[in-house]
Amino acid sequence: MGSKKANAAAKEAAALKEVASAIKRDYPHLTDDEVKAMMKRAHEDFYNRPIREFIPLFIERRIRAQLAEDQ
């Protein structure tokens, strides 16, 4: 079970890296630190959620919605 949990955590981390890269690509005016801070704030809301597969998607949607409001 431990390796299953570790594998899920690794998949989530990889997906979150992809989300950060996509946000940075689509919003090049944002600094790396700004993207990291946004990712961290959004991720904190999902910290204790038992089902983790869609968290990167939810985080990306939340950040994109926030950025759209700011424009």
PDB file of N, CA and C in Angstrom:
ATOM      1  N   MET A   1       0.817  -1.198   0.000  1.00  0.00           N
ATOM      2  CA  MET A   1       0.000   0.000   0.000  1.00  0.00           C
ATOM      3  C   MET A   1       0.857   1.258   0.000  1.00  0.00           C
ATOM      4  N   GLY A   2       1.985   1.236   0.692  1.00  0.00           N
ATOM      5  CA  GLY A   2       2.869   2.386   0.738  1.00  0.00           C
ATOM      6  C   GLY A   2       3.367   2.806  -0.622  1.00  0.00           C
ATOM      7  N   SER A   3       3.723   1.830  -1.458  1.00  0.00           N
ATOM      8  CA  SER A   3       4.215   2.180  -2.785  1.00  0.00           C
ATOM      9  C   SER A   3       3.096   2.724  -3.661  1.00  0.00           C
ATOM     10  N   LYS A   4       1.884   2.275  -3.441  1.00  0.00           N
ATOM     11  CA  LYS A   4       0.742   2.799  -4.181  1.00  0.00           C
ATOM     12  C   LYS A   4       0.520   4.270  -3.841  1.00  0.00           C
ATOM     13  N   LYS A   5       0.631   4.584  -2.549  1.00  0.00           N
ATOM     14  CA  LYS A   5       0.470   5.964  -2.087  1.00  0.00           C
ATOM     15  C   LYS A   5       1.604   6.844  -2.611  1.00  0.00           C
ATOM     16  N   ALA A   6       2.823   6.308  -2.596  1.00  0.00           N
ATOM     17  CA  ALA A   6       3.976   7.054  -3.106  1.00  0.00           C
ATOM     18  C   ALA A   6       3.834   7.302  -4.599  1.00  0.00           C
ATOM     19  N   ASN A   7       3.335   6.307  -5.320  1.00  0.00           N
ATOM     20  CA  ASN A   7       3.141   6.448  -6.762  1.00  0.00           C
ATOM     21  C   ASN A   7       2.086   7.517  -7.047  1.00  0.00           C
ATOM     22  N   ALA A   8       1.008   7.515  -6.265  1.00  0.00           N
ATOM     23  CA  ALA A   8      -0.032   8.526  -6.446  1.00  0.00           C
ATOM     24  C   ALA A   8       0.515   9.922  -6.157  1.00  0.00           C
ATOM     25  N   ALA A   9       1.325  10.037  -5.112  1.00  0.00           N
ATOM     26  CA  ALA A   9       1.922  11.334  -4.772  1.00  0.00           C
ATOM     27  C   ALA A   9       2.863  11.809  -5.879  1.00  0.00           C
ATOM     28  N   ALA A  10       3.612  10.877  -6.447  1.00  0.00           N
ATOM     29  CA  ALA A  10       4.529  11.232  -7.543  1.00  0.00           C
ATOM     30  C   ALA A  10       3.749  11.680  -8.771  1.00  0.00           C
ATOM     31  N   LYS A  11       2.640  11.010  -9.059  1.00  0.00           N
ATOM     32  CA  LYS A  11       1.803  11.403 -10.197  1.00  0.00           C
ATOM     33  C   LYS A  11       1.208  12.789  -9.985  1.00  0.00           C
ATOM     34  N   GLU A  12       0.751  13.035  -8.762  1.00  0.00           N
ATOM     35  CA  GLU A  12       0.180  14.347  -8.459  1.00  0.00           C
ATOM     36  C   GLU A  12       1.245  15.435  -8.599  1.00  0.00           C
ATOM     37  N   ALA A  13       2.436  15.189  -8.088  1.00  0.00           N
ATOM     38  CA  ALA A  13       3.524  16.161  -8.178  1.00  0.00           C
ATOM     39  C   ALA A  13       3.870  16.451  -9.637  1.00  0.00           C
ATOM     40  N   ALA A  14       3.922  15.411 -10.457  1.00  0.00           N
ATOM     41  CA  ALA A  14       4.228  15.591 -11.882  1.00  0.00           C
ATOM     42  C   ALA A  14       3.128  16.394 -12.572  1.00  0.00           C
ATOM     43  N   ALA A  15       1.878  16.083 -12.242  1.00  0.00           N
ATOM     44  CA  ALA A  15       0.760  16.820 -12.845  1.00  0.00           C
ATOM     45  C   ALA A  15       0.777  18.281 -12.417  1.00  0.00           C
ATOM     46  N   LEU A  16       1.120  18.538 -11.161  1.00  0.00           N
ATOM     47  CA  LEU A  16       1.187  19.922 -10.684  1.00  0.00           C
ATOM     48  C   LEU A  16       2.312  20.689 -11.369  1.00  0.00           C
ATOM     49  N   LYS A  17       3.411  20.021 -11.665  1.00  0.00           N
ATOM     50  CA  LYS A  17       4.500  20.667 -12.420  1.00  0.00           C
ATOM     51  C   LYS A  17       4.016  21.058 -13.811  1.00  0.00           C
ATOM     52  N   GLU A  18       3.240  20.169 -14.428  1.00  0.00           N
ATOM     53  CA  GLU A  18       2.696  20.459 -15.756  1.00  0.00           C
ATOM     54  C   GLU A  18       1.742  21.646 -15.700  1.00  0.00           C
ATOM     55  N   VAL A  19       0.924  21.691 -14.654  1.00  0.00           N
ATOM     56  CA  VAL A  19       0.004  22.824 -14.488  1.00  0.00           C
ATOM     57  C   VAL A  19       0.794  24.122 -14.356  1.00  0.00           C
ATOM     58  N   ALA A  20       1.816  24.124 -13.526  1.00  0.00           N
ATOM     59  CA  ALA A  20       2.635  25.328 -13.342  1.00  0.00           C
ATOM     60  C   ALA A  20       3.272  25.752 -14.658  1.00  0.00           C
ATOM     61  N   SER A  21       3.760  24.789 -15.427  1.00  0.00           N
ATOM     62  CA  SER A  21       4.372  25.103 -16.725  1.00  0.00           C
ATOM     63  C   SER A  21       3.342  25.694 -17.684  1.00  0.00           C
ATOM     64  N   ALA A  22       2.139  25.135 -17.689  1.00  0.00           N
ATOM     65  CA  ALA A  22       1.088  25.637 -18.580  1.00  0.00           C
ATOM     66  C   ALA A  22       0.670  27.055 -18.191  1.00  0.00           C
ATOM     67  N   ILE A  23       0.540  27.309 -16.889  1.00  0.00           N
ATOM     68  CA  ILE A  23       0.181  28.653 -16.428  1.00  0.00           C
ATOM     69  C   ILE A  23       1.278  29.634 -16.827  1.00  0.00           C
ATOM     70  N   LYS A  24       2.504  29.264 -16.605  1.00  0.00           N
ATOM     71  CA  LYS A  24       3.642  30.131 -16.942  1.00  0.00           C
ATOM     72  C   LYS A  24       3.698  30.393 -18.447  1.00  0.00           C
ATOM     73  N   ARG A  25       3.428  29.361 -19.234  1.00  0.00           N
ATOM     74  CA  ARG A  25       3.444  29.519 -20.698  1.00  0.00           C
ATOM     75  C   ARG A  25       2.336  30.472 -21.151  1.00  0.00           C
ATOM     76  N   ASP A  26       1.144  30.311 -20.572  1.00  0.00           N
ATOM     77  CA  ASP A  26       0.006  31.106 -21.007  1.00  0.00           C
ATOM     78  C   ASP A  26      -0.035  32.513 -20.398  1.00  0.00           C
ATOM     79  N   TYR A  27       0.702  32.699 -19.312  1.00  0.00           N
ATOM     80  CA  TYR A  27       0.773  34.006 -18.643  1.00  0.00           C
ATOM     81  C   TYR A  27       2.244  34.346 -18.406  1.00  0.00           C
ATOM     82  N   PRO A  28       2.972  34.645 -19.486  1.00  0.00           N
ATOM     83  CA  PRO A  28       4.417  34.850 -19.365  1.00  0.00           C
ATOM     84  C   PRO A  28       4.813  36.050 -18.510  1.00  0.00           C
ATOM     85  N   HIS A  29       3.878  36.948 -18.244  1.00  0.00           N
ATOM     86  CA  HIS A  29       4.199  38.105 -17.397  1.00  0.00           C
ATOM     87  C   HIS A  29       4.332  37.715 -15.926  1.00  0.00           C
ATOM     88  N   LEU A  30       3.857  36.528 -15.545  1.00  0.00           N
ATOM     89  CA  LEU A  30       3.971  36.078 -14.157  1.00  0.00           C
ATOM     90  C   LEU A  30       5.376  35.548 -13.892  1.00  0.00           C
ATOM     91  N   THR A  31       5.892  35.871 -12.741  1.00  0.00           N
ATOM     92  CA  THR A  31       7.207  35.338 -12.364  1.00  0.00           C
ATOM     93  C   THR A  31       7.038  33.910 -11.844  1.00  0.00           C
ATOM     94  N   ASP A  32       8.146  33.193 -11.778  1.00  0.00           N
ATOM     95  CA  ASP A  32       8.110  31.840 -11.219  1.00  0.00           C
ATOM     96  C   ASP A  32       7.599  31.863  -9.778  1.00  0.00           C
ATOM     97  N   ASP A  33       8.030  32.849  -9.017  1.00  0.00           N
ATOM     98  CA  ASP A  33       7.592  32.955  -7.619  1.00  0.00           C
ATOM     99  C   ASP A  33       6.087  33.218  -7.514  1.00  0.00           C
ATOM    100  N   GLU A  34       5.554  34.025  -8.420  1.00  0.00           N
ATOM    101  CA  GLU A  34       4.112  34.278  -8.405  1.00  0.00           C
ATOM    102  C   GLU A  34       3.329  33.011  -8.713  1.00  0.00           C
ATOM    103  N   VAL A  35       3.784  32.258  -9.698  1.00  0.00           N
ATOM    104  CA  VAL A  35       3.114  31.009 -10.055  1.00  0.00           C
ATOM    105  C   VAL A  35       3.207  30.015  -8.891  1.00  0.00           C
ATOM    106  N   LYS A  36       4.369  29.908  -8.290  1.00  0.00           N
ATOM    107  CA  LYS A  36       4.539  29.007  -7.141  1.00  0.00           C
ATOM    108  C   LYS A  36       3.599  29.387  -6.007  1.00  0.00           C
ATOM    109  N   ALA A  37       3.487  30.675  -5.726  1.00  0.00           N
ATOM    110  CA  ALA A  37       2.611  31.139  -4.646  1.00  0.00           C
ATOM    111  C   ALA A  37       1.150  30.827  -4.954  1.00  0.00           C
ATOM    112  N   MET A  38       0.741  31.042  -6.186  1.00  0.00           N
ATOM    113  CA  MET A  38      -0.631  30.731  -6.577  1.00  0.00           C
ATOM    114  C   MET A  38      -0.900  29.235  -6.463  1.00  0.00           C
ATOM    115  N   MET A  39       0.051  28.441  -6.902  1.00  0.00           N
ATOM    116  CA  MET A  39      -0.093  26.984  -6.819  1.00  0.00           C
ATOM    117  C   MET A  39      -0.204  26.555  -5.361  1.00  0.00           C
ATOM    118  N   LYS A  40       0.633  27.122  -4.523  1.00  0.00           N
ATOM    119  CA  LYS A  40       0.631  26.753  -3.101  1.00  0.00           C
ATOM    120  C   LYS A  40      -0.692  27.109  -2.443  1.00  0.00           C
ATOM    121  N   ARG A  41      -1.189  28.326  -2.698  1.00  0.00           N
ATOM    122  CA  ARG A  41      -2.457  28.754  -2.104  1.00  0.00           C
ATOM    123  C   ARG A  41      -3.610  27.854  -2.564  1.00  0.00           C
ATOM    124  N   ALA A  42      -3.652  27.565  -3.852  1.00  0.00           N
ATOM    125  CA  ALA A  42      -4.728  26.725  -4.387  1.00  0.00           C
ATOM    126  C   ALA A  42      -4.615  25.296  -3.853  1.00  0.00           C
ATOM    127  N   HIS A  43      -3.398  24.798  -3.748  1.00  0.00           N
ATOM    128  CA  HIS A  43      -3.184  23.420  -3.293  1.00  0.00           C
ATOM    129  C   HIS A  43      -3.569  23.251  -1.828  1.00  0.00           C
ATOM    130  N   GLU A  44      -3.382  24.269  -1.025  1.00  0.00           N
ATOM    131  CA  GLU A  44      -3.710  24.187   0.407  1.00  0.00           C
ATOM    132  C   GLU A  44      -5.183  23.856   0.639  1.00  0.00           C
ATOM    133  N   ASP A  45      -6.058  24.312  -0.243  1.00  0.00           N
ATOM    134  CA  ASP A  45      -7.488  24.047  -0.093  1.00  0.00           C
ATOM    135  C   ASP A  45      -7.835  22.567  -0.298  1.00  0.00           C
ATOM    136  N   PHE A  46      -6.940  21.842  -0.920  1.00  0.00           N
ATOM    137  CA  PHE A  46      -7.200  20.436  -1.227  1.00  0.00           C
ATOM    138  C   PHE A  46      -6.331  19.492  -0.403  1.00  0.00           C
ATOM    139  N   TYR A  47      -5.676  20.011   0.614  1.00  0.00           N
ATOM    140  CA  TYR A  47      -4.681  19.259   1.362  1.00  0.00           C
ATOM    141  C   TYR A  47      -5.194  17.931   1.917  1.00  0.00           C
ATOM    142  N   ASN A  48      -6.321  17.915   2.564  1.00  0.00           N
ATOM    143  CA  ASN A  48      -6.825  16.703   3.206  1.00  0.00           C
ATOM    144  C   ASN A  48      -7.874  15.960   2.397  1.00  0.00           C
ATOM    145  N   ARG A  49      -7.987  16.222   1.145  1.00  0.00           N
ATOM    146  CA  ARG A  49      -8.976  15.534   0.317  1.00  0.00           C
ATOM    147  C   ARG A  49      -8.514  14.109   0.051  1.00  0.00           C
ATOM    148  N   PRO A  50      -9.387  13.142   0.226  1.00  0.00           N
ATOM    149  CA  PRO A  50      -8.973  11.747   0.061  1.00  0.00           C
ATOM    150  C   PRO A  50      -8.767  11.336  -1.398  1.00  0.00           C
ATOM    151  N   ILE A  51      -9.548  11.896  -2.303  1.00  0.00           N
ATOM    152  CA  ILE A  51      -9.408  11.544  -3.719  1.00  0.00           C
ATOM    153  C   ILE A  51      -8.558  12.617  -4.369  1.00  0.00           C
ATOM    154  N   ARG A  52      -7.401  12.221  -4.865  1.00  0.00           N
ATOM    155  CA  ARG A  52      -6.386  13.180  -5.294  1.00  0.00           C
ATOM    156  C   ARG A  52      -6.262  13.327  -6.819  1.00  0.00           C
ATOM    157  N   GLU A  53      -6.865  12.446  -7.592  1.00  0.00           N
ATOM    158  CA  GLU A  53      -6.610  12.398  -9.030  1.00  0.00           C
ATOM    159  C   GLU A  53      -6.917  13.690  -9.770  1.00  0.00           C
ATOM    160  N   PHE A  54      -7.945  14.414  -9.325  1.00  0.00           N
ATOM    161  CA  PHE A  54      -8.375  15.599 -10.055  1.00  0.00           C
ATOM    162  C   PHE A  54      -7.877  16.906  -9.449  1.00  0.00           C
ATOM    163  N   ILE A  55      -7.115  16.822  -8.397  1.00  0.00           N
ATOM    164  CA  ILE A  55      -6.646  18.037  -7.728  1.00  0.00           C
ATOM    165  C   ILE A  55      -5.840  18.943  -8.663  1.00  0.00           C
ATOM    166  N   PRO A  56      -4.907  18.418  -9.455  1.00  0.00           N
ATOM    167  CA  PRO A  56      -4.206  19.328 -10.382  1.00  0.00           C
ATOM    168  C   PRO A  56      -5.155  20.060 -11.330  1.00  0.00           C
ATOM    169  N   LEU A  57      -6.181  19.387 -11.802  1.00  0.00           N
ATOM    170  CA  LEU A  57      -7.166  20.020 -12.678  1.00  0.00           C
ATOM    171  C   LEU A  57      -7.919  21.118 -11.939  1.00  0.00           C
ATOM    172  N   PHE A  58      -8.341  20.833 -10.711  1.00  0.00           N
ATOM    173  CA  PHE A  58      -9.051  21.838  -9.926  1.00  0.00           C
ATOM    174  C   PHE A  58      -8.166  23.049  -9.642  1.00  0.00           C
ATOM    175  N   ILE A  59      -6.917  22.802  -9.359  1.00  0.00           N
ATOM    176  CA  ILE A  59      -5.979  23.891  -9.093  1.00  0.00           C
ATOM    177  C   ILE A  59      -5.797  24.746 -10.339  1.00  0.00           C
ATOM    178  N   GLU A  60      -5.605  24.094 -11.481  1.00  0.00           N
ATOM    179  CA  GLU A  60      -5.434  24.851 -12.726  1.00  0.00           C
ATOM    180  C   GLU A  60      -6.670  25.696 -13.018  1.00  0.00           C
ATOM    181  N   ARG A  61      -7.842  25.117 -12.878  1.00  0.00           N
ATOM    182  CA  ARG A  61      -9.076  25.877 -13.134  1.00  0.00           C
ATOM    183  C   ARG A  61      -9.207  27.069 -12.190  1.00  0.00           C
ATOM    184  N   ARG A  62      -8.882  26.858 -10.926  1.00  0.00           N
ATOM    185  CA  ARG A  62      -8.989  27.938  -9.951  1.00  0.00           C
ATOM    186  C   ARG A  62      -8.033  29.088 -10.309  1.00  0.00           C
ATOM    187  N   ILE A  63      -6.800  28.759 -10.654  1.00  0.00           N
ATOM    188  CA  ILE A  63      -5.814  29.797 -10.981  1.00  0.00           C
ATOM    189  C   ILE A  63      -6.201  30.523 -12.256  1.00  0.00           C
ATOM    190  N   ARG A  64      -6.636  29.779 -13.268  1.00  0.00           N
ATOM    191  CA  ARG A  64      -7.033  30.427 -14.523  1.00  0.00           C
ATOM    192  C   ARG A  64      -8.237  31.355 -14.307  1.00  0.00           C
ATOM    193  N   ALA A  65      -9.182  30.937 -13.480  1.00  0.00           N
ATOM    194  CA  ALA A  65     -10.333  31.791 -13.196  1.00  0.00           C
ATOM    195  C   ALA A  65      -9.895  33.051 -12.463  1.00  0.00           C
ATOM    196  N   GLN A  66      -8.987  32.899 -11.535  1.00  0.00           N
ATOM    197  CA  GLN A  66      -8.471  34.053 -10.793  1.00  0.00           C
ATOM    198  C   GLN A  66      -7.745  35.003 -11.745  1.00  0.00           C
ATOM    199  N   LEU A  67      -6.943  34.466 -12.632  1.00  0.00           N
ATOM    200  CA  LEU A  67      -6.198  35.311 -13.573  1.00  0.00           C
ATOM    201  C   LEU A  67      -7.144  35.992 -14.555  1.00  0.00           C
ATOM    202  N   ALA A  68      -8.212  35.319 -14.959  1.00  0.00           N
ATOM    203  CA  ALA A  68      -9.181  35.930 -15.867  1.00  0.00           C
ATOM    204  C   ALA A  68      -9.900  37.094 -15.194  1.00  0.00           C
ATOM    205  N   GLU A  69     -10.177  36.953 -13.898  1.00  0.00           N
ATOM    206  CA  GLU A  69     -10.811  38.048 -13.139  1.00  0.00           C
ATOM    207  C   GLU A  69      -9.903  39.262 -13.050  1.00  0.00           C
ATOM    208  N   ASP A  70      -8.604  39.011 -12.960  1.00  0.00           N
ATOM    209  CA  ASP A  70      -7.629  40.083 -12.794  1.00  0.00           C
ATOM    210  C   ASP A  70      -7.401  40.883 -14.069  1.00  0.00           C
ATOM    211  N   GLN A  71      -7.833  40.354 -15.185  1.00  0.00           N
ATOM    212  CA  GLN A  71      -7.565  41.048 -16.456  1.00  0.00           C
ATOM    213  C   GLN A  71      -8.595  42.092 -16.745  1.00  0.00           C
TER     214      GLN A  71
END
